[in-house]
């Protein structure tokens, strides 16, 4: 899946988001940098950890609060 912001989402992540319409909508509403953070978070090593992360994904996306960028 490619988000409306142009971020490539792995198939298993897209499937998990697709099972939760609210999470998918919330994910699409995130800024591209925040979407990328979730993709990178999921990609960290560990197959078992990945499955646990996929189960948490919908809740975490809906609860995500944008962090302001550090001051220049």
PDB file of N, CA and C in Angstrom:
ATOM      1  N   UNK A   1       0.846  -1.170   0.000  1.00  0.00           N
ATOM      2  CA  UNK A   1       0.000   0.000   0.000  1.00  0.00           C
ATOM      3  C   UNK A   1       0.896   1.240   0.000  1.00  0.00           C
ATOM      4  N   UNK A   2       0.467   2.231  -0.723  1.00  0.00           N
ATOM      5  CA  UNK A   2       1.109   3.538  -0.714  1.00  0.00           C
ATOM      6  C   UNK A   2       0.086   4.506  -0.138  1.00  0.00           C
ATOM      7  N   UNK A   3       0.474   5.237   0.899  1.00  0.00           N
ATOM      8  CA  UNK A   3      -0.458   6.174   1.523  1.00  0.00           C
ATOM      9  C   UNK A   3      -0.718   7.361   0.602  1.00  0.00           C
ATOM     10  N   UNK A   4      -1.712   8.152   0.955  1.00  0.00           N
ATOM     11  CA  UNK A   4      -2.000   9.351   0.178  1.00  0.00           C
ATOM     12  C   UNK A   4      -0.825  10.328   0.226  1.00  0.00           C
ATOM     13  N   UNK A   5       0.053  10.173   1.237  1.00  0.00           N
ATOM     14  CA  UNK A   5       1.246  11.018   1.357  1.00  0.00           C
ATOM     15  C   UNK A   5       2.439  10.417   0.609  1.00  0.00           C
ATOM     16  N   UNK A   6       2.260   9.237   0.002  1.00  0.00           N
ATOM     17  CA  UNK A   6       3.326   8.622  -0.776  1.00  0.00           C
ATOM     18  C   UNK A   6       4.267   7.721   0.006  1.00  0.00           C
ATOM     19  N   UNK A   7       3.886   7.307   1.214  1.00  0.00           N
ATOM     20  CA  UNK A   7       4.718   6.416   2.039  1.00  0.00           C
ATOM     21  C   UNK A   7       4.356   4.968   1.733  1.00  0.00           C
ATOM     22  N   UNK A   8       5.369   4.155   1.440  1.00  0.00           N
ATOM     23  CA  UNK A   8       5.160   2.728   1.192  1.00  0.00           C
ATOM     24  C   UNK A   8       4.966   2.011   2.523  1.00  0.00           C
ATOM     25  N   UNK A   9       3.880   1.271   2.623  1.00  0.00           N
ATOM     26  CA  UNK A   9       3.536   0.537   3.840  1.00  0.00           C
ATOM     27  C   UNK A   9       3.637  -0.953   3.539  1.00  0.00           C
ATOM     28  N   UNK A  10       4.346  -1.721   4.385  1.00  0.00           N
ATOM     29  CA  UNK A  10       4.462  -3.169   4.160  1.00  0.00           C
ATOM     30  C   UNK A  10       3.082  -3.839   4.129  1.00  0.00           C
ATOM     31  N   UNK A  11       2.995  -4.940   3.411  1.00  0.00           N
ATOM     32  CA  UNK A  11       1.716  -5.632   3.241  1.00  0.00           C
ATOM     33  C   UNK A  11       1.051  -5.998   4.560  1.00  0.00           C
ATOM     34  N   UNK A  12       1.831  -6.549   5.511  1.00  0.00           N
ATOM     35  CA  UNK A  12       1.208  -6.970   6.773  1.00  0.00           C
ATOM     36  C   UNK A  12       0.706  -5.765   7.579  1.00  0.00           C
ATOM     37  N   UNK A  13       1.391  -4.650   7.469  1.00  0.00           N
ATOM     38  CA  UNK A  13       0.948  -3.440   8.149  1.00  0.00           C
ATOM     39  C   UNK A  13      -0.327  -2.902   7.486  1.00  0.00           C
ATOM     40  N   UNK A  14      -0.357  -2.890   6.170  1.00  0.00           N
ATOM     41  CA  UNK A  14      -1.546  -2.441   5.442  1.00  0.00           C
ATOM     42  C   UNK A  14      -2.742  -3.325   5.778  1.00  0.00           C
ATOM     43  N   UNK A  15      -2.507  -4.621   5.902  1.00  0.00           N
ATOM     44  CA  UNK A  15      -3.580  -5.557   6.256  1.00  0.00           C
ATOM     45  C   UNK A  15      -4.108  -5.263   7.656  1.00  0.00           C
ATOM     46  N   UNK A  16      -3.210  -5.030   8.607  1.00  0.00           N
ATOM     47  CA  UNK A  16      -3.616  -4.726   9.982  1.00  0.00           C
ATOM     48  C   UNK A  16      -4.412  -3.416  10.027  1.00  0.00           C
ATOM     49  N   UNK A  17      -3.956  -2.413   9.306  1.00  0.00           N
ATOM     50  CA  UNK A  17      -4.687  -1.139   9.259  1.00  0.00           C
ATOM     51  C   UNK A  17      -6.034  -1.312   8.563  1.00  0.00           C
ATOM     52  N   UNK A  18      -6.065  -2.143   7.533  1.00  0.00           N
ATOM     53  CA  UNK A  18      -7.304  -2.379   6.791  1.00  0.00           C
ATOM     54  C   UNK A  18      -8.383  -3.062   7.609  1.00  0.00           C
ATOM     55  N   UNK A  19      -7.983  -3.783   8.650  1.00  0.00           N
ATOM     56  CA  UNK A  19      -8.964  -4.443   9.531  1.00  0.00           C
ATOM     57  C   UNK A  19      -9.586  -3.470  10.521  1.00  0.00           C
ATOM     58  N   UNK A  20      -9.064  -2.259  10.588  1.00  0.00           N
ATOM     59  CA  UNK A  20      -9.517  -1.265  11.563  1.00  0.00           C
ATOM     60  C   UNK A  20      -9.688   0.064  10.832  1.00  0.00           C
ATOM     61  N   UNK A  21     -10.907   0.321  10.364  1.00  0.00           N
ATOM     62  CA  UNK A  21     -11.154   1.507   9.542  1.00  0.00           C
ATOM     63  C   UNK A  21     -10.742   2.794  10.244  1.00  0.00           C
ATOM     64  N   UNK A  22     -10.967   2.886  11.546  1.00  0.00           N
ATOM     65  CA  UNK A  22     -10.580   4.083  12.286  1.00  0.00           C
ATOM     66  C   UNK A  22      -9.085   4.275  12.313  1.00  0.00           C
ATOM     67  N   UNK A  23      -8.349   3.184  12.466  1.00  0.00           N
ATOM     68  CA  UNK A  23      -6.889   3.266  12.473  1.00  0.00           C
ATOM     69  C   UNK A  23      -6.364   3.636  11.097  1.00  0.00           C
ATOM     70  N   UNK A  24      -6.957   3.076  10.050  1.00  0.00           N
ATOM     71  CA  UNK A  24      -6.522   3.401   8.696  1.00  0.00           C
ATOM     72  C   UNK A  24      -6.750   4.881   8.408  1.00  0.00           C
ATOM     73  N   UNK A  25      -7.894   5.381   8.780  1.00  0.00           N
ATOM     74  CA  UNK A  25      -8.187   6.808   8.576  1.00  0.00           C
ATOM     75  C   UNK A  25      -7.213   7.675   9.375  1.00  0.00           C
ATOM     76  N   UNK A  26      -6.966   7.300  10.626  1.00  0.00           N
ATOM     77  CA  UNK A  26      -6.035   8.052  11.466  1.00  0.00           C
ATOM     78  C   UNK A  26      -4.628   8.010  10.873  1.00  0.00           C
ATOM     79  N   UNK A  27      -4.231   6.851  10.353  1.00  0.00           N
ATOM     80  CA  UNK A  27      -2.905   6.719   9.758  1.00  0.00           C
ATOM     81  C   UNK A  27      -2.781   7.602   8.520  1.00  0.00           C
ATOM     82  N   UNK A  28      -3.796   7.607   7.670  1.00  0.00           N
ATOM     83  CA  UNK A  28      -3.771   8.433   6.465  1.00  0.00           C
ATOM     84  C   UNK A  28      -3.717   9.918   6.817  1.00  0.00           C
ATOM     85  N   UNK A  29      -4.269  10.297   7.973  1.00  0.00           N
ATOM     86  CA  UNK A  29      -4.277  11.694   8.404  1.00  0.00           C
ATOM     87  C   UNK A  29      -2.941  12.144   9.003  1.00  0.00           C
ATOM     88  N   UNK A  30      -2.063  11.199   9.335  1.00  0.00           N
ATOM     89  CA  UNK A  30      -0.765  11.557   9.907  1.00  0.00           C
ATOM     90  C   UNK A  30       0.110  12.243   8.866  1.00  0.00           C
ATOM     91  N   UNK A  31       1.024  13.070   9.350  1.00  0.00           N
ATOM     92  CA  UNK A  31       2.014  13.659   8.455  1.00  0.00           C
ATOM     93  C   UNK A  31       2.916  12.546   7.927  1.00  0.00           C
ATOM     94  N   UNK A  32       3.498  12.728   6.746  1.00  0.00           N
ATOM     95  CA  UNK A  32       4.370  11.693   6.176  1.00  0.00           C
ATOM     96  C   UNK A  32       5.484  11.261   7.134  1.00  0.00           C
ATOM     97  N   UNK A  33       6.070  12.194   7.872  1.00  0.00           N
ATOM     98  CA  UNK A  33       7.148  11.818   8.796  1.00  0.00           C
ATOM     99  C   UNK A  33       6.621  10.910   9.910  1.00  0.00           C
ATOM    100  N   UNK A  34       5.400  11.147  10.360  1.00  0.00           N
ATOM    101  CA  UNK A  34       4.817  10.294  11.391  1.00  0.00           C
ATOM    102  C   UNK A  34       4.459   8.921  10.822  1.00  0.00           C
ATOM    103  N   UNK A  35       3.965   8.890   9.587  1.00  0.00           N
ATOM    104  CA  UNK A  35       3.696   7.603   8.943  1.00  0.00           C
ATOM    105  C   UNK A  35       4.992   6.795   8.831  1.00  0.00           C
ATOM    106  N   UNK A  36       6.068   7.460   8.421  1.00  0.00           N
ATOM    107  CA  UNK A  36       7.357   6.792   8.275  1.00  0.00           C
ATOM    108  C   UNK A  36       7.844   6.250   9.615  1.00  0.00           C
ATOM    109  N   UNK A  37       7.599   6.994  10.718  1.00  0.00           N
ATOM    110  CA  UNK A  37       7.992   6.511  12.047  1.00  0.00           C
ATOM    111  C   UNK A  37       7.326   5.182  12.361  1.00  0.00           C
ATOM    112  N   UNK A  38       6.042   5.045  12.028  1.00  0.00           N
ATOM    113  CA  UNK A  38       5.346   3.783  12.277  1.00  0.00           C
ATOM    114  C   UNK A  38       5.905   2.663  11.405  1.00  0.00           C
ATOM    115  N   UNK A  39       6.193   2.950  10.155  1.00  0.00           N
ATOM    116  CA  UNK A  39       6.778   1.934   9.264  1.00  0.00           C
ATOM    117  C   UNK A  39       8.134   1.497   9.811  1.00  0.00           C
ATOM    118  N   UNK A  40       8.949   2.452  10.229  1.00  0.00           N
ATOM    119  CA  UNK A  40      10.275   2.132  10.779  1.00  0.00           C
ATOM    120  C   UNK A  40      10.160   1.368  12.095  1.00  0.00           C
ATOM    121  N   UNK A  41       9.224   1.740  12.950  1.00  0.00           N
ATOM    122  CA  UNK A  41       8.995   1.061  14.222  1.00  0.00           C
ATOM    123  C   UNK A  41       8.661  -0.409  13.975  1.00  0.00           C
ATOM    124  N   UNK A  42       7.792  -0.646  13.008  1.00  0.00           N
ATOM    125  CA  UNK A  42       7.400  -2.023  12.701  1.00  0.00           C
ATOM    126  C   UNK A  42       8.571  -2.822  12.134  1.00  0.00           C
ATOM    127  N   UNK A  43       9.466  -2.174  11.413  1.00  0.00           N
ATOM    128  CA  UNK A  43      10.567  -2.859  10.732  1.00  0.00           C
ATOM    129  C   UNK A  43      11.718  -3.252  11.657  1.00  0.00           C
ATOM    130  N   UNK A  44      11.718  -2.761  12.881  1.00  0.00           N
ATOM    131  CA  UNK A  44      12.816  -3.137  13.784  1.00  0.00           C
ATOM    132  C   UNK A  44      12.819  -4.652  13.964  1.00  0.00           C
ATOM    133  N   UNK A  45      13.988  -5.259  14.184  1.00  0.00           N
ATOM    134  CA  UNK A  45      14.136  -6.719  14.190  1.00  0.00           C
ATOM    135  C   UNK A  45      13.237  -7.466  15.168  1.00  0.00           C
ATOM    136  N   UNK A  46      12.963  -8.707  14.782  1.00  0.00           N
ATOM    137  CA  UNK A  46      12.245  -9.638  15.643  1.00  0.00           C
ATOM    138  C   UNK A  46      10.881 -10.004  15.099  1.00  0.00           C
ATOM    139  N   UNK A  47      10.738 -11.218  14.577  1.00  0.00           N
ATOM    140  CA  UNK A  47       9.459 -11.659  14.011  1.00  0.00           C
ATOM    141  C   UNK A  47       8.357 -11.678  15.059  1.00  0.00           C
ATOM    142  N   UNK A  48       8.652 -12.170  16.257  1.00  0.00           N
ATOM    143  CA  UNK A  48       7.630 -12.200  17.307  1.00  0.00           C
ATOM    144  C   UNK A  48       7.247 -10.789  17.709  1.00  0.00           C
ATOM    145  N   UNK A  49       8.225  -9.928  17.809  1.00  0.00           N
ATOM    146  CA  UNK A  49       7.941  -8.540  18.160  1.00  0.00           C
ATOM    147  C   UNK A  49       7.085  -7.898  17.070  1.00  0.00           C
ATOM    148  N   UNK A  50       7.330  -8.237  15.834  1.00  0.00           N
ATOM    149  CA  UNK A  50       6.555  -7.667  14.731  1.00  0.00           C
ATOM    150  C   UNK A  50       5.088  -8.042  14.863  1.00  0.00           C
ATOM    151  N   UNK A  51       4.815  -9.298  15.187  1.00  0.00           N
ATOM    152  CA  UNK A  51       3.424  -9.724  15.348  1.00  0.00           C
ATOM    153  C   UNK A  51       2.742  -8.978  16.487  1.00  0.00           C
ATOM    154  N   UNK A  52       3.448  -8.796  17.580  1.00  0.00           N
ATOM    155  CA  UNK A  52       2.895  -8.043  18.714  1.00  0.00           C
ATOM    156  C   UNK A  52       2.644  -6.595  18.310  1.00  0.00           C
ATOM    157  N   UNK A  53       3.561  -6.021  17.561  1.00  0.00           N
ATOM    158  CA  UNK A  53       3.398  -4.639  17.106  1.00  0.00           C
ATOM    159  C   UNK A  53       2.189  -4.513  16.187  1.00  0.00           C
ATOM    160  N   UNK A  54       1.987  -5.483  15.302  1.00  0.00           N
ATOM    161  CA  UNK A  54       0.835  -5.444  14.411  1.00  0.00           C
ATOM    162  C   UNK A  54      -0.471  -5.474  15.199  1.00  0.00           C
ATOM    163  N   UNK A  55      -0.472  -6.214  16.302  1.00  0.00           N
ATOM    164  CA  UNK A  55      -1.675  -6.266  17.143  1.00  0.00           C
ATOM    165  C   UNK A  55      -1.919  -4.942  17.857  1.00  0.00           C
ATOM    166  N   UNK A  56      -0.872  -4.197  18.153  1.00  0.00           N
ATOM    167  CA  UNK A  56      -0.974  -2.907  18.849  1.00  0.00           C
ATOM    168  C   UNK A  56      -1.179  -1.737  17.888  1.00  0.00           C
ATOM    169  N   UNK A  57      -0.951  -1.963  16.621  1.00  0.00           N
ATOM    170  CA  UNK A  57      -0.865  -0.889  15.647  1.00  0.00           C
ATOM    171  C   UNK A  57      -2.083   0.037  15.646  1.00  0.00           C
ATOM    172  N   UNK A  58      -3.273  -0.521  15.549  1.00  0.00           N
ATOM    173  CA  UNK A  58      -4.474   0.311  15.484  1.00  0.00           C
ATOM    174  C   UNK A  58      -4.606   1.237  16.675  1.00  0.00           C
ATOM    175  N   UNK A  59      -4.411   0.706  17.857  1.00  0.00           N
ATOM    176  CA  UNK A  59      -4.515   1.513  19.074  1.00  0.00           C
ATOM    177  C   UNK A  59      -3.461   2.604  19.091  1.00  0.00           C
ATOM    178  N   UNK A  60      -2.233   2.238  18.742  1.00  0.00           N
ATOM    179  CA  UNK A  60      -1.133   3.214  18.782  1.00  0.00           C
ATOM    180  C   UNK A  60      -1.321   4.334  17.765  1.00  0.00           C
ATOM    181  N   UNK A  61      -1.812   3.995  16.582  1.00  0.00           N
ATOM    182  CA  UNK A  61      -2.041   5.016  15.554  1.00  0.00           C
ATOM    183  C   UNK A  61      -3.132   5.981  16.012  1.00  0.00           C
ATOM    184  N   UNK A  62      -4.226   5.443  16.543  1.00  0.00           N
ATOM    185  CA  UNK A  62      -5.319   6.311  17.003  1.00  0.00           C
ATOM    186  C   UNK A  62      -4.892   7.197  18.163  1.00  0.00           C
ATOM    187  N   UNK A  63      -3.959   6.744  18.989  1.00  0.00           N
ATOM    188  CA  UNK A  63      -3.509   7.514  20.146  1.00  0.00           C
ATOM    189  C   UNK A  63      -2.318   8.419  19.837  1.00  0.00           C
ATOM    190  N   UNK A  64      -1.779   8.322  18.642  1.00  0.00           N
ATOM    191  CA  UNK A  64      -0.571   9.083  18.296  1.00  0.00           C
ATOM    192  C   UNK A  64      -0.821  10.584  18.381  1.00  0.00           C
ATOM    193  N   UNK A  65       0.105  11.256  19.001  1.00  0.00           N
ATOM    194  CA  UNK A  65       0.081  12.715  19.070  1.00  0.00           C
ATOM    195  C   UNK A  65       1.354  13.214  18.412  1.00  0.00           C
ATOM    196  N   UNK A  66       1.190  14.130  17.506  1.00  0.00           N
ATOM    197  CA  UNK A  66       2.342  14.667  16.777  1.00  0.00           C
ATOM    198  C   UNK A  66       3.272  15.385  17.735  1.00  0.00           C
ATOM    199  N   UNK A  67       4.546  15.074  17.622  1.00  0.00           N
ATOM    200  CA  UNK A  67       5.565  15.772  18.405  1.00  0.00           C
ATOM    201  C   UNK A  67       6.071  16.943  17.580  1.00  0.00           C
ATOM    202  N   UNK A  68       6.189  18.109  18.181  1.00  0.00           N
ATOM    203  CA  UNK A  68       6.719  19.251  17.418  1.00  0.00           C
ATOM    204  C   UNK A  68       8.187  19.011  17.053  1.00  0.00           C
ATOM    205  N   UNK A  69       8.578  19.591  15.958  1.00  0.00           N
ATOM    206  CA  UNK A  69       9.969  19.482  15.515  1.00  0.00           C
ATOM    207  C   UNK A  69      10.863  20.246  16.485  1.00  0.00           C
ATOM    208  N   UNK A  70      12.089  19.771  16.683  1.00  0.00           N
ATOM    209  CA  UNK A  70      13.014  20.502  17.560  1.00  0.00           C
ATOM    210  C   UNK A  70      13.284  21.907  17.010  1.00  0.00           C
ATOM    211  N   UNK A  71      13.540  22.826  17.905  1.00  0.00           N
ATOM    212  CA  UNK A  71      13.837  24.192  17.482  1.00  0.00           C
ATOM    213  C   UNK A  71      15.163  24.227  16.739  1.00  0.00           C
ATOM    214  N   UNK A  72      15.222  25.039  15.727  1.00  0.00           N
ATOM    215  CA  UNK A  72      16.463  25.156  14.932  1.00  0.00           C
ATOM    216  C   UNK A  72      17.505  25.939  15.647  1.00  0.00           C
TER     217      UNK A  72
END
